[in-house]
Amino acid sequence: MSPSRVHVGDVYIDVDGVDPGRTVLVEATAMIGAPKAAQQKKLAADVLKLGWASRTLGDVRCVIVTWSPEVQAFLSRPRAWLTAARLEAGVELILAEPDDTAFVAVSAARLAQDRYAME
């Protein structure tokens, strides 16, 4: 899998991963902990984008990958419109287990982003 621009009719979407056969589209999130307001909007946009791509392209598997149980819980809340939309669109949710190196790298990047945002 590699990041790619996928053409959907006259427009395109950028996704974090596409398999060589272009049958699987993946959005990955490195969020740690409960998603904040802006992150919640990004997750909703990912669901919308993947759901639309799935309906438009037809036989394609769409997946959101996270390693945060809190993100998984946010996208799986009972009686929430986003959960219902994700399920109806057939957007799968996978909880991955990060290794220690990846976790440290993402944590450092998030800290740097937080510092940059405060300047």
C-alpha atoms as a PDB file:
ATOM      1  CA  MET A   1       0.000   0.000   0.000  1.00  0.00           C
ATOM      2  CA  SER A   2       1.132   3.489  -0.717  1.00  0.00           C
ATOM      3  CA  PRO A   3      -0.373   6.986  -0.653  1.00  0.00           C
ATOM      4  CA  SER A   4      -2.104   7.836  -3.870  1.00  0.00           C
ATOM      5  CA  ARG A   5      -4.370  10.173  -5.752  1.00  0.00           C
ATOM      6  CA  VAL A   6      -7.423   8.260  -6.947  1.00  0.00           C
ATOM      7  CA  HIS A   7      -9.450   9.647  -9.826  1.00  0.00           C
ATOM      8  CA  VAL A   8     -13.181   9.390  -9.319  1.00  0.00           C
ATOM      9  CA  GLY A   9     -14.874  10.604 -12.474  1.00  0.00           C
ATOM     10  CA  ASP A  10     -13.745  14.168 -13.143  1.00  0.00           C
ATOM     11  CA  VAL A  11     -12.356  14.698  -9.638  1.00  0.00           C
ATOM     12  CA  TYR A  12      -9.808  13.006  -7.420  1.00  0.00           C
ATOM     13  CA  ILE A  13      -9.262  12.110  -3.790  1.00  0.00           C
ATOM     14  CA  ASP A  14      -6.001  11.670  -1.938  1.00  0.00           C
ATOM     15  CA  VAL A  15      -5.823   8.643   0.320  1.00  0.00           C
ATOM     16  CA  ASP A  16      -3.144   7.317   2.640  1.00  0.00           C
ATOM     17  CA  GLY A  17      -3.053   3.883   1.050  1.00  0.00           C
ATOM     18  CA  VAL A  18      -4.125   2.073  -2.102  1.00  0.00           C
ATOM     19  CA  ASP A  19      -3.344  -1.505  -2.994  1.00  0.00           C
ATOM     20  CA  PRO A  20      -1.756  -2.252  -6.408  1.00  0.00           C
ATOM     21  CA  GLY A  21      -5.086  -3.480  -7.807  1.00  0.00           C
ATOM     22  CA  ARG A  22      -6.838  -0.316  -6.593  1.00  0.00           C
ATOM     23  CA  THR A  23      -9.454  -2.396  -4.800  1.00  0.00           C
ATOM     24  CA  VAL A  24      -8.683  -1.137  -1.283  1.00  0.00           C
ATOM     25  CA  LEU A  25      -8.590   2.520  -0.187  1.00  0.00           C
ATOM     26  CA  VAL A  26      -7.178   3.336   3.230  1.00  0.00           C
ATOM     27  CA  GLU A  27      -7.180   6.415   5.428  1.00  0.00           C
ATOM     28  CA  ALA A  28      -4.869   6.073   8.428  1.00  0.00           C
ATOM     29  CA  THR A  29      -4.849   8.171  11.549  1.00  0.00           C
ATOM     30  CA  ALA A  30      -2.004   8.504  14.023  1.00  0.00           C
ATOM     31  CA  MET A  31      -4.178  10.233  16.602  1.00  0.00           C
ATOM     32  CA  ILE A  32      -3.473   9.263  20.188  1.00  0.00           C
ATOM     33  CA  GLY A  33      -6.231   9.506  22.760  1.00  0.00           C
ATOM     34  CA  ALA A  34      -9.694  10.971  22.397  1.00  0.00           C
ATOM     35  CA  PRO A  35     -10.066  13.044  19.216  1.00  0.00           C
ATOM     36  CA  LYS A  36     -10.373  16.799  19.700  1.00  0.00           C
ATOM     37  CA  ALA A  37     -12.920  18.888  17.760  1.00  0.00           C
ATOM     38  CA  ALA A  38     -10.756  19.442  14.662  1.00  0.00           C
ATOM     39  CA  GLN A  39      -9.760  15.765  14.651  1.00  0.00           C
ATOM     40  CA  GLN A  40     -13.413  14.750  14.894  1.00  0.00           C
ATOM     41  CA  LYS A  41     -14.106  16.831  11.770  1.00  0.00           C
ATOM     42  CA  LYS A  42     -11.167  15.169   9.964  1.00  0.00           C
ATOM     43  CA  LEU A  43     -12.525  11.731  10.859  1.00  0.00           C
ATOM     44  CA  ALA A  44     -15.987  12.718   9.608  1.00  0.00           C
ATOM     45  CA  ALA A  45     -14.432  13.983   6.363  1.00  0.00           C
ATOM     46  CA  ASP A  46     -12.565  10.672   5.967  1.00  0.00           C
ATOM     47  CA  VAL A  47     -15.823   8.729   6.404  1.00  0.00           C
ATOM     48  CA  LEU A  48     -17.571  10.960   3.872  1.00  0.00           C
ATOM     49  CA  LYS A  49     -14.703  10.722   1.362  1.00  0.00           C
ATOM     50  CA  LEU A  50     -14.359   6.943   1.597  1.00  0.00           C
ATOM     51  CA  GLY A  51     -18.118   6.377   1.579  1.00  0.00           C
ATOM     52  CA  TRP A  52     -18.528   8.525  -1.515  1.00  0.00           C
ATOM     53  CA  ALA A  53     -15.610   6.784  -3.244  1.00  0.00           C
ATOM     54  CA  SER A  54     -17.095   3.392  -2.440  1.00  0.00           C
ATOM     55  CA  ARG A  55     -20.496   4.309  -3.890  1.00  0.00           C
ATOM     56  CA  THR A  56     -18.990   5.969  -6.953  1.00  0.00           C
ATOM     57  CA  LEU A  57     -16.270   3.428  -7.781  1.00  0.00           C
ATOM     58  CA  GLY A  58     -18.319   0.354  -6.947  1.00  0.00           C
ATOM     59  CA  ASP A  59     -16.345  -2.727  -5.974  1.00  0.00           C
ATOM     60  CA  VAL A  60     -13.780  -1.147  -3.658  1.00  0.00           C
ATOM     61  CA  ARG A  61     -13.048  -1.828   0.012  1.00  0.00           C
ATOM     62  CA  CYS A  62     -12.691   1.319   2.144  1.00  0.00           C
ATOM     63  CA  VAL A  63     -10.916   1.207   5.497  1.00  0.00           C
ATOM     64  CA  ILE A  64      -9.966   3.621   8.270  1.00  0.00           C
ATOM     65  CA  VAL A  65      -6.990   2.376  10.283  1.00  0.00           C
ATOM     66  CA  THR A  66      -6.202   3.701  13.759  1.00  0.00           C
ATOM     67  CA  TRP A  67      -4.163   2.555  16.703  1.00  0.00           C
ATOM     68  CA  SER A  68      -6.154   4.576  19.193  1.00  0.00           C
ATOM     69  CA  PRO A  69      -8.952   2.739  21.002  1.00  0.00           C
ATOM     70  CA  GLU A  70     -10.455   6.190  21.688  1.00  0.00           C
ATOM     71  CA  VAL A  71     -10.661   6.949  17.961  1.00  0.00           C
ATOM     72  CA  GLN A  72     -12.178   3.522  17.382  1.00  0.00           C
ATOM     73  CA  ALA A  73     -14.738   4.240  20.095  1.00  0.00           C
ATOM     74  CA  PHE A  74     -15.524   7.668  18.597  1.00  0.00           C
ATOM     75  CA  LEU A  75     -16.216   6.106  15.192  1.00  0.00           C
ATOM     76  CA  SER A  76     -18.315   3.336  16.754  1.00  0.00           C
ATOM     77  CA  ARG A  77     -20.543   5.275  19.157  1.00  0.00           C
ATOM     78  CA  PRO A  78     -24.050   3.814  19.402  1.00  0.00           C
ATOM     79  CA  ARG A  79     -26.823   6.057  18.049  1.00  0.00           C
ATOM     80  CA  ALA A  80     -24.322   8.568  16.589  1.00  0.00           C
ATOM     81  CA  TRP A  81     -24.936   9.808  13.057  1.00  0.00           C
ATOM     82  CA  LEU A  82     -21.275   9.352  12.106  1.00  0.00           C
ATOM     83  CA  THR A  83     -21.312   5.711  13.172  1.00  0.00           C
ATOM     84  CA  ALA A  84     -24.520   5.126  11.215  1.00  0.00           C
ATOM     85  CA  ALA A  85     -23.073   6.849   8.138  1.00  0.00           C
ATOM     86  CA  ARG A  86     -19.836   4.849   8.354  1.00  0.00           C
ATOM     87  CA  LEU A  87     -21.674   1.561   8.673  1.00  0.00           C
ATOM     88  CA  GLU A  88     -24.170   2.343   5.911  1.00  0.00           C
ATOM     89  CA  ALA A  89     -21.342   3.378   3.578  1.00  0.00           C
ATOM     90  CA  GLY A  90     -19.471   0.170   4.364  1.00  0.00           C
ATOM     91  CA  VAL A  91     -16.372   1.955   5.646  1.00  0.00           C
ATOM     92  CA  GLU A  92     -14.489  -0.527   7.795  1.00  0.00           C
ATOM     93  CA  LEU A  93     -12.591   0.365  10.950  1.00  0.00           C
ATOM     94  CA  ILE A  94      -9.407  -1.462  11.916  1.00  0.00           C
ATOM     95  CA  LEU A  95      -7.595  -1.041  15.225  1.00  0.00           C
ATOM     96  CA  ALA A  96      -3.890  -1.669  14.599  1.00  0.00           C
ATOM     97  CA  GLU A  97      -1.251  -2.271  17.226  1.00  0.00           C
ATOM     98  CA  PRO A  98       1.730   0.085  16.892  1.00  0.00           C
ATOM     99  CA  ASP A  99       5.228  -0.975  17.738  1.00  0.00           C
ATOM    100  CA  ASP A 100       7.196   1.052  20.266  1.00  0.00           C
ATOM    101  CA  THR A 101       9.282   2.835  17.619  1.00  0.00           C
ATOM    102  CA  ALA A 102       6.213   4.072  15.723  1.00  0.00           C
ATOM    103  CA  PHE A 103       4.507   5.177  18.928  1.00  0.00           C
ATOM    104  CA  VAL A 104       7.551   7.203  20.042  1.00  0.00           C
ATOM    105  CA  ALA A 105       7.930   8.797  16.579  1.00  0.00           C
ATOM    106  CA  VAL A 106       4.277   9.837  16.401  1.00  0.00           C
ATOM    107  CA  SER A 107       4.322  11.129  19.969  1.00  0.00           C
ATOM    108  CA  ALA A 108       7.384  13.273  19.186  1.00  0.00           C
ATOM    109  CA  ALA A 109       5.773  14.611  15.997  1.00  0.00           C
ATOM    110  CA  ARG A 110       2.602  15.510  17.884  1.00  0.00           C
ATOM    111  CA  LEU A 111       4.625  17.329  20.548  1.00  0.00           C
ATOM    112  CA  ALA A 112       6.444  19.292  17.841  1.00  0.00           C
ATOM    113  CA  GLN A 113       3.117  20.191  16.201  1.00  0.00           C
ATOM    114  CA  ASP A 114       1.735  21.358  19.537  1.00  0.00           C
ATOM    115  CA  ARG A 115       4.779  23.564  20.101  1.00  0.00           C
ATOM    116  CA  TYR A 116       4.508  24.996  16.575  1.00  0.00           C
ATOM    117  CA  ALA A 117       0.812  25.770  17.081  1.00  0.00           C
ATOM    118  CA  MET A 118       1.593  27.715  20.258  1.00  0.00           C
ATOM    119  CA  GLU A 119       4.159  29.994  18.568  1.00  0.00           C
END
